[in-house]
C-alpha atoms as a PDB file:
ATOM      1  CA  UNK A   1      -8.214   9.141 -30.614  1.00  0.00           C
ATOM      2  CA  UNK A   2      -7.523   6.450 -33.248  1.00  0.00           C
ATOM      3  CA  UNK A   3      -9.298   3.125 -33.559  1.00  0.00           C
ATOM      4  CA  UNK A   4      -7.877   0.392 -35.567  1.00  0.00           C
ATOM      5  CA  UNK A   5      -9.669  -1.476 -38.386  1.00  0.00           C
ATOM      6  CA  UNK A   6     -10.987  -4.882 -37.704  1.00  0.00           C
ATOM      7  CA  UNK A   7      -8.753  -7.703 -39.229  1.00  0.00           C
ATOM      8  CA  UNK A   8     -11.582  -9.212 -41.576  1.00  0.00           C
ATOM      9  CA  UNK A   9      -9.165 -11.709 -42.475  1.00  0.00           C
ATOM     10  CA  UNK A  10      -8.653 -12.836 -39.122  1.00  0.00           C
ATOM     11  CA  UNK A  11     -12.460 -13.071 -38.355  1.00  0.00           C
ATOM     12  CA  UNK A  12     -13.104 -15.052 -41.727  1.00  0.00           C
ATOM     13  CA  UNK A  13     -10.194 -17.522 -40.528  1.00  0.00           C
ATOM     14  CA  UNK A  14     -11.794 -17.663 -37.197  1.00  0.00           C
ATOM     15  CA  UNK A  15     -15.118 -18.602 -38.480  1.00  0.00           C
ATOM     16  CA  UNK A  16     -13.457 -21.183 -40.927  1.00  0.00           C
ATOM     17  CA  UNK A  17     -11.467 -22.750 -37.906  1.00  0.00           C
ATOM     18  CA  UNK A  18     -15.169 -23.310 -36.136  1.00  0.00           C
ATOM     19  CA  UNK A  19     -16.789 -24.676 -38.978  1.00  0.00           C
ATOM     20  CA  UNK A  20     -13.595 -27.049 -39.367  1.00  0.00           C
ATOM     21  CA  UNK A  21     -13.444 -27.875 -35.930  1.00  0.00           C
ATOM     22  CA  UNK A  22     -16.286 -30.530 -36.142  1.00  0.00           C
ATOM     23  CA  UNK A  23     -15.638 -32.101 -32.707  1.00  0.00           C
ATOM     24  CA  UNK A  24     -15.443 -29.061 -31.187  1.00  0.00           C
ATOM     25  CA  UNK A  25     -12.188 -29.639 -28.781  1.00  0.00           C
ATOM     26  CA  UNK A  26     -11.069 -26.399 -29.526  1.00  0.00           C
ATOM     27  CA  UNK A  27      -8.215 -27.664 -31.842  1.00  0.00           C
ATOM     28  CA  UNK A  28      -7.948 -28.698 -35.484  1.00  0.00           C
ATOM     29  CA  UNK A  29      -6.288 -31.909 -36.323  1.00  0.00           C
ATOM     30  CA  UNK A  30      -6.002 -34.145 -39.519  1.00  0.00           C
ATOM     31  CA  UNK A  31      -9.137 -35.931 -38.819  1.00  0.00           C
ATOM     32  CA  UNK A  32     -10.918 -32.686 -38.981  1.00  0.00           C
ATOM     33  CA  UNK A  33      -9.555 -31.863 -42.464  1.00  0.00           C
ATOM     34  CA  UNK A  34     -10.516 -35.828 -43.186  1.00  0.00           C
ATOM     35  CA  UNK A  35     -14.115 -35.145 -42.208  1.00  0.00           C
ATOM     36  CA  UNK A  36     -14.209 -32.085 -44.519  1.00  0.00           C
ATOM     37  CA  UNK A  37     -13.112 -34.285 -47.382  1.00  0.00           C
ATOM     38  CA  UNK A  38     -15.404 -37.014 -46.563  1.00  0.00           C
ATOM     39  CA  UNK A  39     -18.436 -34.656 -46.779  1.00  0.00           C
ATOM     40  CA  UNK A  40     -17.525 -33.739 -50.229  1.00  0.00           C
ATOM     41  CA  UNK A  41     -17.215 -36.948 -51.202  1.00  0.00           C
ATOM     42  CA  UNK A  42     -20.461 -38.178 -49.763  1.00  0.00           C
ATOM     43  CA  UNK A  43     -22.244 -35.235 -51.034  1.00  0.00           C
ATOM     44  CA  UNK A  44     -21.041 -36.012 -54.242  1.00  0.00           C
ATOM     45  CA  UNK A  45     -21.216 -39.659 -54.154  1.00  0.00           C
ATOM     46  CA  UNK A  46     -17.346 -40.284 -54.862  1.00  0.00           C
ATOM     47  CA  UNK A  47     -16.249 -43.601 -53.354  1.00  0.00           C
ATOM     48  CA  UNK A  48     -12.681 -43.928 -51.726  1.00  0.00           C
ATOM     49  CA  UNK A  49     -10.996 -45.539 -54.845  1.00  0.00           C
ATOM     50  CA  UNK A  50     -12.277 -42.600 -57.431  1.00  0.00           C
ATOM     51  CA  UNK A  51      -9.163 -40.425 -58.626  1.00  0.00           C
ATOM     52  CA  UNK A  52     -10.861 -37.305 -57.620  1.00  0.00           C
ATOM     53  CA  UNK A  53     -11.263 -38.738 -54.216  1.00  0.00           C
ATOM     54  CA  UNK A  54      -7.823 -39.567 -53.632  1.00  0.00           C
ATOM     55  CA  UNK A  55      -6.663 -36.141 -55.170  1.00  0.00           C
ATOM     56  CA  UNK A  56      -9.094 -34.288 -52.704  1.00  0.00           C
ATOM     57  CA  UNK A  57      -7.743 -36.505 -49.809  1.00  0.00           C
ATOM     58  CA  UNK A  58      -4.163 -35.862 -50.956  1.00  0.00           C
ATOM     59  CA  UNK A  59      -4.594 -32.053 -51.158  1.00  0.00           C
ATOM     60  CA  UNK A  60      -6.012 -31.890 -48.017  1.00  0.00           C
ATOM     61  CA  UNK A  61      -3.228 -33.818 -46.399  1.00  0.00           C
ATOM     62  CA  UNK A  62      -0.619 -31.672 -47.939  1.00  0.00           C
ATOM     63  CA  UNK A  63      -2.422 -28.485 -47.067  1.00  0.00           C
ATOM     64  CA  UNK A  64      -2.572 -30.037 -43.519  1.00  0.00           C
ATOM     65  CA  UNK A  65       1.086 -30.507 -43.345  1.00  0.00           C
ATOM     66  CA  UNK A  66       1.917 -27.029 -44.637  1.00  0.00           C
ATOM     67  CA  UNK A  67      -0.280 -25.759 -41.892  1.00  0.00           C
ATOM     68  CA  UNK A  68       1.747 -27.575 -39.507  1.00  0.00           C
ATOM     69  CA  UNK A  69       5.083 -26.492 -40.982  1.00  0.00           C
ATOM     70  CA  UNK A  70       4.022 -22.880 -41.004  1.00  0.00           C
ATOM     71  CA  UNK A  71       2.715 -22.903 -37.308  1.00  0.00           C
ATOM     72  CA  UNK A  72       5.914 -24.306 -36.060  1.00  0.00           C
ATOM     73  CA  UNK A  73       4.035 -26.725 -33.722  1.00  0.00           C
ATOM     74  CA  UNK A  74       5.396 -29.512 -31.838  1.00  0.00           C
ATOM     75  CA  UNK A  75       2.360 -31.648 -31.846  1.00  0.00           C
ATOM     76  CA  UNK A  76      -0.512 -32.590 -34.697  1.00  0.00           C
ATOM     77  CA  UNK A  77      -2.968 -30.181 -33.732  1.00  0.00           C
ATOM     78  CA  UNK A  78      -3.536 -26.551 -34.180  1.00  0.00           C
ATOM     79  CA  UNK A  79      -5.413 -23.656 -31.778  1.00  0.00           C
ATOM     80  CA  UNK A  80      -7.391 -20.936 -33.420  1.00  0.00           C
ATOM     81  CA  UNK A  81      -4.524 -18.569 -33.334  1.00  0.00           C
ATOM     82  CA  UNK A  82      -2.277 -21.042 -34.511  1.00  0.00           C
ATOM     83  CA  UNK A  83      -4.393 -21.816 -37.539  1.00  0.00           C
ATOM     84  CA  UNK A  84      -5.011 -18.040 -38.303  1.00  0.00           C
ATOM     85  CA  UNK A  85      -1.241 -17.532 -38.365  1.00  0.00           C
ATOM     86  CA  UNK A  86      -0.634 -20.743 -40.314  1.00  0.00           C
ATOM     87  CA  UNK A  87      -3.062 -20.104 -42.869  1.00  0.00           C
ATOM     88  CA  UNK A  88      -2.000 -16.528 -43.677  1.00  0.00           C
ATOM     89  CA  UNK A  89       1.975 -18.078 -43.891  1.00  0.00           C
ATOM     90  CA  UNK A  90       0.743 -21.076 -46.134  1.00  0.00           C
ATOM     91  CA  UNK A  91      -1.284 -19.074 -48.386  1.00  0.00           C
ATOM     92  CA  UNK A  92       1.593 -16.314 -48.983  1.00  0.00           C
ATOM     93  CA  UNK A  93       4.099 -19.156 -49.440  1.00  0.00           C
ATOM     94  CA  UNK A  94       3.481 -20.819 -52.809  1.00  0.00           C
ATOM     95  CA  UNK A  95       7.163 -22.730 -52.617  1.00  0.00           C
ATOM     96  CA  UNK A  96       5.473 -26.197 -52.087  1.00  0.00           C
ATOM     97  CA  UNK A  97       1.835 -25.702 -52.135  1.00  0.00           C
ATOM     98  CA  UNK A  98      -0.554 -23.155 -53.993  1.00  0.00           C
ATOM     99  CA  UNK A  99      -3.512 -23.453 -51.820  1.00  0.00           C
ATOM    100  CA  UNK A 100      -5.531 -21.150 -53.959  1.00  0.00           C
ATOM    101  CA  UNK A 101      -4.980 -22.591 -57.183  1.00  0.00           C
ATOM    102  CA  UNK A 102      -4.717 -26.132 -55.733  1.00  0.00           C
ATOM    103  CA  UNK A 103      -7.814 -26.291 -53.904  1.00  0.00           C
ATOM    104  CA  UNK A 104      -9.830 -24.707 -56.778  1.00  0.00           C
ATOM    105  CA  UNK A 105      -8.923 -27.255 -59.072  1.00  0.00           C
ATOM    106  CA  UNK A 106      -9.478 -30.424 -56.924  1.00  0.00           C
ATOM    107  CA  UNK A 107     -12.888 -28.775 -55.625  1.00  0.00           C
ATOM    108  CA  UNK A 108     -14.049 -28.374 -59.363  1.00  0.00           C
ATOM    109  CA  UNK A 109     -13.220 -31.819 -60.236  1.00  0.00           C
ATOM    110  CA  UNK A 110     -15.262 -33.077 -57.657  1.00  0.00           C
ATOM    111  CA  UNK A 111     -18.136 -31.199 -58.325  1.00  0.00           C
ATOM    112  CA  UNK A 112     -17.570 -31.585 -62.217  1.00  0.00           C
ATOM    113  CA  UNK A 113     -19.613 -35.106 -61.928  1.00  0.00           C
ATOM    114  CA  UNK A 114     -19.742 -35.856 -65.428  1.00  0.00           C
ATOM    115  CA  UNK A 115     -16.118 -34.498 -66.106  1.00  0.00           C
ATOM    116  CA  UNK A 116     -17.281 -32.255 -69.335  1.00  0.00           C
ATOM    117  CA  UNK A 117     -14.825 -29.270 -67.329  1.00  0.00           C
ATOM    118  CA  UNK A 118     -18.191 -27.357 -66.700  1.00  0.00           C
ATOM    119  CA  UNK A 119     -20.155 -27.043 -63.667  1.00  0.00           C
ATOM    120  CA  UNK A 120     -23.945 -27.557 -64.490  1.00  0.00           C
ATOM    121  CA  UNK A 121     -27.037 -27.833 -62.297  1.00  0.00           C
END
């Protein structure tokens, strides 16, 4: 009698979906990602014209479009299962956007408030 191991990545992505779905409608759309970016900007007191704010929004918008492309959906929103599938595919496909590398750099620039290329207290 065999049992299958739990899919830890899917579990983490499902939790991520729940956190991103800020209006709790059971779907993600661009506004959910925009609110995520805005939370960063508010926390680090960056105005909308700051280059770091523009870079963060641009990254999230590009990432959102990549999720839609990989989910192969007709509309502009993703269910939880579509999100899990799309993130897996977008993370593996670095032909247009390297999510792991790109997001890290954009977030680092936002957090590095004094621009010294270090994260300090």
